[in-house]
Amino acid sequence: MADMQIQCINKDPRQNTHEGITHVGGPGWRLTRQQAIDAINNGSTTFYTLVAGRRAEVAVVQGTHAPYLRTHADGTWTDNLLALPECRV
């Protein structure tokens, strides 16, 4: 199983700070939100963020309209993904 650090995201609309993640990525790779959800759900990949030396696991959460990605650290759901910089395309 791969373990990948998410270091950037893309959002649509870009200025929305609370929703709209379309892609996640890191050095040399970029996946759509759905590709990351599928990789987590099928057990092929785990994803995490690393902020100030603290690891937060990325999980799939079932939203009202569709599943989405969210970080979980120390027993608390966090918004670490939305705080990441934009991926350069």
C-alpha atoms as a PDB file:
ATOM      1  CA  MET A   1       0.000   0.000   0.000  1.00  0.00           C
ATOM      2  CA  ALA A   2       1.302   3.444  -0.934  1.00  0.00           C
ATOM      3  CA  ASP A   3       1.417   6.218   1.676  1.00  0.00           C
ATOM      4  CA  MET A   4       1.428   9.668   0.041  1.00  0.00           C
ATOM      5  CA  GLN A   5       1.715  13.155   1.500  1.00  0.00           C
ATOM      6  CA  ILE A   6      -0.697  15.679   0.023  1.00  0.00           C
ATOM      7  CA  GLN A   7       1.143  18.997  -0.242  1.00  0.00           C
ATOM      8  CA  CYS A   8      -1.194  21.013  -2.459  1.00  0.00           C
ATOM      9  CA  ILE A   9      -4.781  21.174  -3.687  1.00  0.00           C
ATOM     10  CA  ASN A  10      -6.812  22.778  -6.446  1.00  0.00           C
ATOM     11  CA  LYS A  11     -10.243  24.248  -5.743  1.00  0.00           C
ATOM     12  CA  ASP A  12     -13.105  25.447  -7.884  1.00  0.00           C
ATOM     13  CA  PRO A  13     -13.916  28.226  -7.251  1.00  0.00           C
ATOM     14  CA  ARG A  14     -10.332  29.060  -6.280  1.00  0.00           C
ATOM     15  CA  GLN A  15     -11.217  31.703  -3.693  1.00  0.00           C
ATOM     16  CA  ASN A  16     -13.688  29.509  -1.767  1.00  0.00           C
ATOM     17  CA  THR A  17     -11.961  28.580   1.483  1.00  0.00           C
ATOM     18  CA  HIS A  18     -14.524  25.985   2.594  1.00  0.00           C
ATOM     19  CA  GLU A  19     -15.217  23.659  -0.330  1.00  0.00           C
ATOM     20  CA  GLY A  20     -14.569  22.742  -3.912  1.00  0.00           C
ATOM     21  CA  ILE A  21     -11.395  20.614  -3.817  1.00  0.00           C
ATOM     22  CA  THR A  22     -11.009  19.234  -7.345  1.00  0.00           C
ATOM     23  CA  HIS A  23      -7.449  17.831  -7.164  1.00  0.00           C
ATOM     24  CA  VAL A  24      -4.823  16.879  -4.584  1.00  0.00           C
ATOM     25  CA  GLY A  25      -1.120  16.533  -5.244  1.00  0.00           C
ATOM     26  CA  GLY A  26       2.491  16.513  -4.252  1.00  0.00           C
ATOM     27  CA  PRO A  27       5.882  16.658  -5.972  1.00  0.00           C
ATOM     28  CA  GLY A  28       5.516  14.912  -9.324  1.00  0.00           C
ATOM     29  CA  TRP A  29       1.923  13.773  -8.933  1.00  0.00           C
ATOM     30  CA  ARG A  30      -1.637  15.105  -8.998  1.00  0.00           C
ATOM     31  CA  LEU A  31      -4.943  13.208  -8.677  1.00  0.00           C
ATOM     32  CA  THR A  32      -8.550  14.205  -9.035  1.00  0.00           C
ATOM     33  CA  ARG A  33     -10.593  14.193  -5.866  1.00  0.00           C
ATOM     34  CA  GLN A  34     -12.423  11.101  -7.144  1.00  0.00           C
ATOM     35  CA  GLN A  35      -9.173   9.240  -7.882  1.00  0.00           C
ATOM     36  CA  ALA A  36      -7.986   9.907  -4.310  1.00  0.00           C
ATOM     37  CA  ILE A  37     -11.365   8.815  -2.881  1.00  0.00           C
ATOM     38  CA  ASP A  38     -11.245   5.611  -4.937  1.00  0.00           C
ATOM     39  CA  ALA A  39      -7.644   4.883  -3.835  1.00  0.00           C
ATOM     40  CA  ILE A  40      -8.599   5.277  -0.160  1.00  0.00           C
ATOM     41  CA  ASN A  41     -11.777   3.232  -0.523  1.00  0.00           C
ATOM     42  CA  ASN A  42     -10.088   0.350  -2.330  1.00  0.00           C
ATOM     43  CA  GLY A  43      -7.202   0.298   0.157  1.00  0.00           C
ATOM     44  CA  SER A  44      -4.435   0.894  -2.380  1.00  0.00           C
ATOM     45  CA  THR A  45      -3.254   4.223  -0.945  1.00  0.00           C
ATOM     46  CA  THR A  46      -3.309   6.196   2.267  1.00  0.00           C
ATOM     47  CA  PHE A  47      -2.933   9.968   2.165  1.00  0.00           C
ATOM     48  CA  TYR A  48      -1.868  12.428   4.834  1.00  0.00           C
ATOM     49  CA  THR A  49      -0.891  16.052   5.392  1.00  0.00           C
ATOM     50  CA  LEU A  50       2.035  17.236   7.476  1.00  0.00           C
ATOM     51  CA  VAL A  51       1.602  20.635   9.108  1.00  0.00           C
ATOM     52  CA  ALA A  52       4.080  21.943  11.694  1.00  0.00           C
ATOM     53  CA  GLY A  53       5.458  18.426  12.026  1.00  0.00           C
ATOM     54  CA  ARG A  54       2.063  16.901  12.794  1.00  0.00           C
ATOM     55  CA  ARG A  55       0.616  14.202  10.585  1.00  0.00           C
ATOM     56  CA  ALA A  56      -3.105  14.239   9.791  1.00  0.00           C
ATOM     57  CA  GLU A  57      -4.662  11.266   8.013  1.00  0.00           C
ATOM     58  CA  VAL A  58      -6.932  11.925   5.027  1.00  0.00           C
ATOM     59  CA  ALA A  59     -10.245  10.063   5.066  1.00  0.00           C
ATOM     60  CA  VAL A  60     -13.363   9.892   2.933  1.00  0.00           C
ATOM     61  CA  VAL A  61     -16.460  11.465   4.464  1.00  0.00           C
ATOM     62  CA  GLN A  62     -19.935  10.988   3.022  1.00  0.00           C
ATOM     63  CA  GLY A  63     -21.361  14.452   2.397  1.00  0.00           C
ATOM     64  CA  THR A  64     -24.927  15.469   1.655  1.00  0.00           C
ATOM     65  CA  HIS A  65     -24.373  15.376  -2.099  1.00  0.00           C
ATOM     66  CA  ALA A  66     -21.187  13.362  -2.584  1.00  0.00           C
ATOM     67  CA  PRO A  67     -18.191  11.951  -0.715  1.00  0.00           C
ATOM     68  CA  TYR A  68     -15.319  14.304   0.014  1.00  0.00           C
ATOM     69  CA  LEU A  69     -11.846  14.282   1.552  1.00  0.00           C
ATOM     70  CA  ARG A  70     -11.115  15.493   5.054  1.00  0.00           C
ATOM     71  CA  THR A  71      -8.193  15.224   7.468  1.00  0.00           C
ATOM     72  CA  HIS A  72      -8.340  13.560  10.864  1.00  0.00           C
ATOM     73  CA  ALA A  73      -5.702  14.103  13.548  1.00  0.00           C
ATOM     74  CA  ASP A  74      -5.673  13.355  17.259  1.00  0.00           C
ATOM     75  CA  GLY A  75      -9.324  12.271  17.193  1.00  0.00           C
ATOM     76  CA  THR A  76     -10.496  15.535  15.608  1.00  0.00           C
ATOM     77  CA  TRP A  77     -11.709  16.288  12.081  1.00  0.00           C
ATOM     78  CA  THR A  78      -9.708  19.206  10.712  1.00  0.00           C
ATOM     79  CA  ASP A  79      -9.530  21.339   7.558  1.00  0.00           C
ATOM     80  CA  ASN A  80      -5.802  20.891   6.881  1.00  0.00           C
ATOM     81  CA  LEU A  81      -6.458  20.181   3.189  1.00  0.00           C
ATOM     82  CA  LEU A  82      -8.134  23.534   2.617  1.00  0.00           C
ATOM     83  CA  ALA A  83      -5.169  25.304   4.206  1.00  0.00           C
ATOM     84  CA  LEU A  84      -2.712  23.852   1.649  1.00  0.00           C
ATOM     85  CA  PRO A  85      -1.422  25.955  -1.248  1.00  0.00           C
ATOM     86  CA  GLU A  86      -2.712  25.600  -4.794  1.00  0.00           C
ATOM     87  CA  CYS A  87      -1.039  22.946  -6.947  1.00  0.00           C
ATOM     88  CA  ARG A  88       0.773  24.369  -9.946  1.00  0.00           C
ATOM     89  CA  VAL A  89      -0.606  22.819 -13.083  1.00  0.00           C
END
